[in-house]
Amino acid sequence: MAKRVLVVEDNELNLKLFCDLLRAHGFATEPVKDGRDAVAAARSFEPDLAIMDIQLPHVSGYELIQQMKLDSELRSIPIMAVTAYAGREDEERIRAVGANAYVSKPISLARFMEEVRALLPPEQAGTEEAPQP
């Protein structure tokens, strides 16, 4: 069974890129454009991993990460932050609110997938290897 990844990203092109890349590597994805819907989507989709943009309208990725880590049903889900914030302080702040990994934009496709696989135990990694783009 494919592992599930919740992708929270308000930029449609990035959302499509992340979901297409993950699907090509054997993951099932649940795209969420509005951060206000992320917690409910996590509860219903039950992801094995959440990928979260930090700069979201209405509610920040910082707030969403904190909400998920304080929620007894969701706190065990690893979270990878993907953001244009690229400074050392930004990474420290993102990790301090509970993110397990951090990838800066623009992303390296290989690094993105390395981080995804690092957050999932081997038996949870995607089932198919896709050719490198």
N, C-alpha and C. Protein backbone atom coordinates (compact mmCIF):
# COMPACT_ATOMS: atom_id res chain seq x y z
N MET A 1 0.84 -1.18 0.00
CA MET A 1 0.00 0.00 0.00
C MET A 1 0.89 1.25 0.00
N ALA A 2 0.56 2.19 -0.85
CA ALA A 2 1.36 3.42 -0.95
C ALA A 2 1.23 4.24 0.33
N LYS A 3 2.33 4.82 0.74
CA LYS A 3 2.31 5.70 1.90
C LYS A 3 1.70 7.03 1.50
N ARG A 4 1.03 7.66 2.46
CA ARG A 4 0.27 8.88 2.20
C ARG A 4 1.03 10.13 2.65
N VAL A 5 1.02 11.14 1.78
CA VAL A 5 1.69 12.40 2.08
C VAL A 5 0.71 13.55 1.89
N LEU A 6 0.51 14.31 2.95
CA LEU A 6 -0.30 15.52 2.91
C LEU A 6 0.61 16.65 2.45
N VAL A 7 0.21 17.38 1.41
CA VAL A 7 1.01 18.48 0.89
C VAL A 7 0.23 19.78 1.04
N VAL A 8 0.72 20.68 1.89
CA VAL A 8 0.05 21.96 2.15
C VAL A 8 0.88 23.06 1.49
N GLU A 9 0.36 23.62 0.40
CA GLU A 9 1.09 24.60 -0.40
C GLU A 9 0.07 25.46 -1.14
N ASP A 10 0.16 26.79 -1.00
CA ASP A 10 -0.82 27.67 -1.65
C ASP A 10 -0.47 27.99 -3.10
N ASN A 11 0.78 27.81 -3.50
CA ASN A 11 1.18 28.07 -4.88
C ASN A 11 0.83 26.84 -5.72
N GLU A 12 -0.06 27.03 -6.70
CA GLU A 12 -0.55 25.88 -7.48
C GLU A 12 0.56 25.13 -8.22
N LEU A 13 1.54 25.87 -8.76
CA LEU A 13 2.62 25.20 -9.49
C LEU A 13 3.47 24.35 -8.55
N ASN A 14 3.80 24.89 -7.38
CA ASN A 14 4.56 24.11 -6.40
C ASN A 14 3.76 22.92 -5.90
N LEU A 15 2.48 23.12 -5.66
CA LEU A 15 1.61 22.04 -5.19
C LEU A 15 1.60 20.90 -6.21
N LYS A 16 1.43 21.26 -7.48
CA LYS A 16 1.42 20.24 -8.53
C LYS A 16 2.78 19.55 -8.63
N LEU A 17 3.87 20.33 -8.59
CA LEU A 17 5.21 19.75 -8.67
C LEU A 17 5.44 18.75 -7.54
N PHE A 18 5.16 19.15 -6.30
CA PHE A 18 5.39 18.26 -5.16
C PHE A 18 4.54 16.99 -5.27
N CYS A 19 3.26 17.15 -5.60
CA CYS A 19 2.38 15.98 -5.70
C CYS A 19 2.79 15.07 -6.85
N ASP A 20 3.11 15.64 -8.01
CA ASP A 20 3.53 14.82 -9.15
C ASP A 20 4.82 14.06 -8.84
N LEU A 21 5.76 14.73 -8.21
CA LEU A 21 7.03 14.10 -7.86
C LEU A 21 6.81 12.95 -6.88
N LEU A 22 6.02 13.20 -5.86
CA LEU A 22 5.73 12.16 -4.87
C LEU A 22 4.99 10.98 -5.50
N ARG A 23 4.01 11.25 -6.34
CA ARG A 23 3.26 10.17 -7.00
C ARG A 23 4.18 9.35 -7.90
N ALA A 24 5.11 10.02 -8.58
CA ALA A 24 6.05 9.32 -9.46
C ALA A 24 6.94 8.37 -8.66
N HIS A 25 7.10 8.64 -7.37
CA HIS A 25 7.92 7.79 -6.50
C HIS A 25 7.06 6.83 -5.67
N GLY A 26 5.80 6.68 -6.04
CA GLY A 26 4.96 5.66 -5.42
C GLY A 26 4.17 6.09 -4.19
N PHE A 27 4.08 7.37 -3.93
CA PHE A 27 3.32 7.86 -2.78
C PHE A 27 1.93 8.30 -3.20
N ALA A 28 0.98 8.17 -2.29
CA ALA A 28 -0.36 8.75 -2.48
C ALA A 28 -0.32 10.14 -1.86
N THR A 29 -0.92 11.12 -2.53
CA THR A 29 -0.86 12.48 -2.01
C THR A 29 -2.25 13.07 -1.81
N GLU A 30 -2.31 14.00 -0.89
CA GLU A 30 -3.52 14.78 -0.64
C GLU A 30 -3.10 16.25 -0.68
N PRO A 31 -3.43 16.95 -1.79
CA PRO A 31 -3.06 18.36 -1.89
C PRO A 31 -4.02 19.25 -1.11
N VAL A 32 -3.46 20.23 -0.41
CA VAL A 32 -4.27 21.20 0.34
C VAL A 32 -3.72 22.59 0.02
N LYS A 33 -4.56 23.45 -0.59
CA LYS A 33 -4.12 24.79 -0.97
C LYS A 33 -4.31 25.81 0.15
N ASP A 34 -5.28 25.61 0.99
CA ASP A 34 -5.61 26.57 2.04
C ASP A 34 -5.22 25.99 3.39
N GLY A 35 -4.30 26.65 4.07
CA GLY A 35 -3.84 26.17 5.36
C GLY A 35 -4.95 25.97 6.37
N ARG A 36 -6.05 26.71 6.21
CA ARG A 36 -7.18 26.57 7.14
C ARG A 36 -7.80 25.18 7.06
N ASP A 37 -7.55 24.48 5.96
CA ASP A 37 -8.10 23.14 5.77
C ASP A 37 -7.12 22.02 6.14
N ALA A 38 -5.91 22.38 6.50
CA ALA A 38 -4.85 21.39 6.67
C ALA A 38 -5.08 20.42 7.82
N VAL A 39 -5.51 20.91 8.98
CA VAL A 39 -5.68 20.03 10.13
C VAL A 39 -6.82 19.03 9.87
N ALA A 40 -7.92 19.52 9.32
CA ALA A 40 -9.04 18.62 9.00
C ALA A 40 -8.63 17.60 7.94
N ALA A 41 -7.86 18.04 6.96
CA ALA A 41 -7.38 17.11 5.92
C ALA A 41 -6.45 16.07 6.53
N ALA A 42 -5.62 16.47 7.47
CA ALA A 42 -4.72 15.51 8.12
C ALA A 42 -5.52 14.47 8.90
N ARG A 43 -6.57 14.90 9.56
CA ARG A 43 -7.40 13.95 10.31
C ARG A 43 -8.09 12.95 9.40
N SER A 44 -8.61 13.41 8.28
CA SER A 44 -9.35 12.50 7.40
C SER A 44 -8.43 11.66 6.51
N PHE A 45 -7.31 12.21 6.06
CA PHE A 45 -6.39 11.51 5.16
C PHE A 45 -5.43 10.60 5.90
N GLU A 46 -5.16 10.90 7.17
CA GLU A 46 -4.23 10.13 8.00
C GLU A 46 -2.89 9.91 7.31
N PRO A 47 -2.16 11.01 7.04
CA PRO A 47 -0.91 10.87 6.29
C PRO A 47 0.22 10.25 7.12
N ASP A 48 1.16 9.68 6.39
CA ASP A 48 2.38 9.16 7.01
C ASP A 48 3.42 10.28 7.11
N LEU A 49 3.21 11.37 6.36
CA LEU A 49 4.11 12.51 6.32
C LEU A 49 3.31 13.73 5.89
N ALA A 50 3.66 14.90 6.44
CA ALA A 50 3.07 16.16 5.99
C ALA A 50 4.19 17.04 5.46
N ILE A 51 3.95 17.63 4.29
CA ILE A 51 4.88 18.60 3.72
C ILE A 51 4.17 19.94 3.78
N MET A 52 4.82 20.92 4.39
CA MET A 52 4.15 22.16 4.74
C MET A 52 4.92 23.38 4.26
N ASP A 53 4.25 24.22 3.46
CA ASP A 53 4.81 25.53 3.15
C ASP A 53 4.71 26.37 4.42
N ILE A 54 5.61 27.31 4.60
CA ILE A 54 5.56 28.17 5.78
C ILE A 54 4.80 29.46 5.48
N GLN A 55 4.98 30.01 4.30
CA GLN A 55 4.30 31.25 3.92
C GLN A 55 2.96 30.92 3.30
N LEU A 56 1.93 30.86 4.12
CA LEU A 56 0.58 30.57 3.66
C LEU A 56 -0.32 31.75 4.02
N PRO A 57 -1.33 32.02 3.20
CA PRO A 57 -2.29 33.06 3.58
C PRO A 57 -3.20 32.53 4.70
N HIS A 58 -3.77 33.42 5.47
CA HIS A 58 -4.75 33.12 6.51
C HIS A 58 -4.15 32.52 7.78
N VAL A 59 -3.32 31.49 7.64
CA VAL A 59 -2.69 30.84 8.78
C VAL A 59 -1.28 30.44 8.34
N SER A 60 -0.29 30.71 9.15
CA SER A 60 1.09 30.41 8.74
C SER A 60 1.41 28.93 8.93
N GLY A 61 2.42 28.50 8.21
CA GLY A 61 2.90 27.14 8.40
C GLY A 61 3.40 26.91 9.82
N TYR A 62 3.97 27.96 10.43
CA TYR A 62 4.41 27.86 11.84
C TYR A 62 3.22 27.46 12.72
N GLU A 63 2.11 28.17 12.53
CA GLU A 63 0.91 27.89 13.35
C GLU A 63 0.39 26.48 13.09
N LEU A 64 0.38 26.07 11.82
CA LEU A 64 -0.12 24.73 11.48
C LEU A 64 0.76 23.64 12.09
N ILE A 65 2.05 23.83 12.02
CA ILE A 65 2.96 22.84 12.61
C ILE A 65 2.70 22.74 14.11
N GLN A 66 2.58 23.88 14.77
CA GLN A 66 2.30 23.87 16.21
C GLN A 66 0.97 23.18 16.51
N GLN A 67 -0.07 23.49 15.73
CA GLN A 67 -1.38 22.85 15.94
C GLN A 67 -1.28 21.34 15.81
N MET A 68 -0.58 20.89 14.79
CA MET A 68 -0.47 19.44 14.58
C MET A 68 0.34 18.78 15.69
N LYS A 69 1.39 19.42 16.15
CA LYS A 69 2.24 18.83 17.19
C LYS A 69 1.56 18.85 18.56
N LEU A 70 0.58 19.73 18.75
CA LEU A 70 -0.17 19.77 20.01
C LEU A 70 -1.39 18.85 20.00
N ASP A 71 -1.74 18.32 18.83
CA ASP A 71 -2.91 17.47 18.66
C ASP A 71 -2.52 16.01 18.90
N SER A 72 -3.17 15.35 19.85
CA SER A 72 -2.78 13.97 20.19
C SER A 72 -2.93 13.01 19.02
N GLU A 73 -3.86 13.27 18.09
CA GLU A 73 -4.05 12.39 16.94
C GLU A 73 -3.01 12.63 15.85
N LEU A 74 -2.45 13.82 15.80
CA LEU A 74 -1.59 14.20 14.67
C LEU A 74 -0.12 14.37 15.03
N ARG A 75 0.21 14.44 16.31
CA ARG A 75 1.57 14.82 16.72
C ARG A 75 2.66 13.86 16.23
N SER A 76 2.31 12.61 15.96
CA SER A 76 3.33 11.65 15.53
C SER A 76 3.65 11.75 14.04
N ILE A 77 2.90 12.53 13.29
CA ILE A 77 3.14 12.68 11.85
C ILE A 77 4.39 13.54 11.65
N PRO A 78 5.41 13.01 10.97
CA PRO A 78 6.58 13.84 10.69
C PRO A 78 6.19 14.97 9.73
N ILE A 79 6.80 16.13 9.92
CA ILE A 79 6.51 17.30 9.10
C ILE A 79 7.79 17.82 8.47
N MET A 80 7.72 18.01 7.15
CA MET A 80 8.82 18.61 6.41
C MET A 80 8.38 19.99 5.95
N ALA A 81 9.08 21.02 6.41
CA ALA A 81 8.79 22.39 5.98
C ALA A 81 9.52 22.66 4.67
N VAL A 82 8.80 23.27 3.73
CA VAL A 82 9.39 23.66 2.46
C VAL A 82 9.08 25.15 2.32
N THR A 83 10.15 25.97 2.26
CA THR A 83 9.92 27.40 2.32
C THR A 83 11.00 28.20 1.62
N ALA A 84 10.66 29.41 1.25
CA ALA A 84 11.63 30.34 0.68
C ALA A 84 12.48 30.97 1.77
N TYR A 85 12.06 30.86 3.03
CA TYR A 85 12.88 31.35 4.13
C TYR A 85 14.13 30.49 4.19
N ALA A 86 15.28 31.08 3.94
CA ALA A 86 16.48 30.26 3.79
C ALA A 86 17.60 30.57 4.79
N GLY A 87 17.37 31.47 5.72
CA GLY A 87 18.42 31.80 6.68
C GLY A 87 18.54 30.78 7.79
N ARG A 88 19.67 30.77 8.48
CA ARG A 88 19.91 29.84 9.58
C ARG A 88 18.88 30.04 10.69
N GLU A 89 18.54 31.31 10.98
CA GLU A 89 17.54 31.58 12.01
C GLU A 89 16.17 31.03 11.61
N ASP A 90 15.87 31.11 10.30
CA ASP A 90 14.59 30.60 9.82
C ASP A 90 14.50 29.10 10.04
N GLU A 91 15.56 28.38 9.68
CA GLU A 91 15.55 26.93 9.88
C GLU A 91 15.42 26.60 11.37
N GLU A 92 16.13 27.30 12.21
CA GLU A 92 16.05 27.05 13.66
C GLU A 92 14.63 27.30 14.17
N ARG A 93 14.02 28.38 13.72
CA ARG A 93 12.65 28.69 14.16
C ARG A 93 11.66 27.62 13.68
N ILE A 94 11.83 27.20 12.43
CA ILE A 94 10.94 26.17 11.86
C ILE A 94 11.07 24.86 12.64
N ARG A 95 12.28 24.49 12.95
CA ARG A 95 12.49 23.26 13.72
C ARG A 95 12.01 23.42 15.16
N ALA A 96 12.13 24.62 15.71
CA ALA A 96 11.70 24.87 17.09
C ALA A 96 10.20 24.71 17.27
N VAL A 97 9.41 25.00 16.23
CA VAL A 97 7.95 24.83 16.36
C VAL A 97 7.52 23.38 16.12
N GLY A 98 8.47 22.53 15.67
CA GLY A 98 8.13 21.11 15.58
C GLY A 98 8.38 20.44 14.24
N ALA A 99 8.87 21.17 13.24
CA ALA A 99 9.16 20.53 11.95
C ALA A 99 10.33 19.56 12.12
N ASN A 100 10.23 18.42 11.48
CA ASN A 100 11.27 17.39 11.56
C ASN A 100 12.36 17.57 10.50
N ALA A 101 12.02 18.31 9.43
CA ALA A 101 12.98 18.55 8.35
C ALA A 101 12.64 19.88 7.70
N TYR A 102 13.60 20.36 6.92
CA TYR A 102 13.49 21.68 6.31
C TYR A 102 14.15 21.63 4.94
N VAL A 103 13.44 22.10 3.91
CA VAL A 103 14.00 22.20 2.57
C VAL A 103 13.68 23.60 2.07
N SER A 104 14.70 24.31 1.57
CA SER A 104 14.47 25.67 1.09
C SER A 104 14.11 25.67 -0.39
N LYS A 105 13.30 26.66 -0.77
CA LYS A 105 12.93 26.85 -2.17
C LYS A 105 13.92 27.83 -2.80
N PRO A 106 14.21 27.69 -4.08
CA PRO A 106 13.72 26.63 -4.95
C PRO A 106 14.32 25.29 -4.55
N ILE A 107 13.52 24.25 -4.66
CA ILE A 107 13.96 22.94 -4.18
C ILE A 107 14.85 22.23 -5.19
N SER A 108 15.70 21.39 -4.68
CA SER A 108 16.41 20.40 -5.48
C SER A 108 15.52 19.15 -5.42
N LEU A 109 15.14 18.62 -6.57
CA LEU A 109 14.25 17.45 -6.59
C LEU A 109 14.87 16.27 -5.84
N ALA A 110 16.17 16.07 -6.04
CA ALA A 110 16.84 14.95 -5.37
C ALA A 110 16.85 15.17 -3.85
N ARG A 111 17.16 16.37 -3.40
CA ARG A 111 17.20 16.66 -1.96
C ARG A 111 15.81 16.52 -1.35
N PHE A 112 14.80 17.00 -2.08
CA PHE A 112 13.42 16.89 -1.63
C PHE A 112 13.08 15.43 -1.34
N MET A 113 13.37 14.54 -2.30
CA MET A 113 13.05 13.12 -2.13
C MET A 113 13.92 12.47 -1.06
N GLU A 114 15.17 12.90 -0.93
CA GLU A 114 16.02 12.38 0.15
C GLU A 114 15.42 12.69 1.51
N GLU A 115 14.93 13.91 1.68
CA GLU A 115 14.33 14.30 2.95
C GLU A 115 13.04 13.53 3.22
N VAL A 116 12.22 13.34 2.17
CA VAL A 116 10.99 12.57 2.32
C VAL A 116 11.33 11.16 2.81
N ARG A 117 12.26 10.52 2.14
CA ARG A 117 12.63 9.14 2.50
C ARG A 117 13.27 9.07 3.89
N ALA A 118 14.02 10.10 4.27
CA ALA A 118 14.66 10.11 5.59
C ALA A 118 13.62 10.20 6.71
N LEU A 119 12.48 10.79 6.43
CA LEU A 119 11.45 10.95 7.46
C LEU A 119 10.56 9.73 7.62
N LEU A 120 10.63 8.83 6.67
CA LEU A 120 9.81 7.62 6.72
C LEU A 120 10.70 6.41 6.92
N PRO A 121 10.36 5.53 7.84
CA PRO A 121 11.14 4.30 8.00
C PRO A 121 11.17 3.54 6.67
N PRO A 122 12.20 2.72 6.44
CA PRO A 122 12.34 2.03 5.16
C PRO A 122 11.08 1.32 4.69
N GLU A 123 10.36 0.69 5.61
CA GLU A 123 9.15 -0.01 5.18
C GLU A 123 8.04 0.95 4.77
N GLN A 124 8.23 2.25 5.05
CA GLN A 124 7.21 3.23 4.67
C GLN A 124 7.61 4.04 3.44
N ALA A 125 8.75 3.82 2.90
CA ALA A 125 9.18 4.58 1.72
C ALA A 125 8.29 4.20 0.54
N GLY A 126 8.26 5.07 -0.47
CA GLY A 126 7.48 4.80 -1.68
C GLY A 126 7.88 3.46 -2.26
N THR A 127 6.95 2.82 -2.94
CA THR A 127 7.19 1.47 -3.41
C THR A 127 7.87 1.40 -4.75
N GLU A 128 7.84 2.46 -5.53
CA GLU A 128 8.41 2.42 -6.86
C GLU A 128 9.51 3.44 -6.99
N GLU A 129 10.54 3.06 -7.70
CA GLU A 129 11.60 4.02 -8.02
C GLU A 129 11.29 4.59 -9.38
N ALA A 130 11.21 5.88 -9.48
CA ALA A 130 10.96 6.54 -10.75
C ALA A 130 12.29 6.95 -11.36
N PRO A 131 12.33 7.03 -12.68
CA PRO A 131 13.56 7.50 -13.32
C PRO A 131 13.81 8.94 -12.90
N GLN A 132 15.07 9.30 -12.79
CA GLN A 132 15.42 10.68 -12.43
C GLN A 132 15.07 11.61 -13.56
N PRO A 133 14.46 12.76 -13.24
CA PRO A 133 14.10 13.73 -14.31
C PRO A 133 15.31 14.36 -14.94
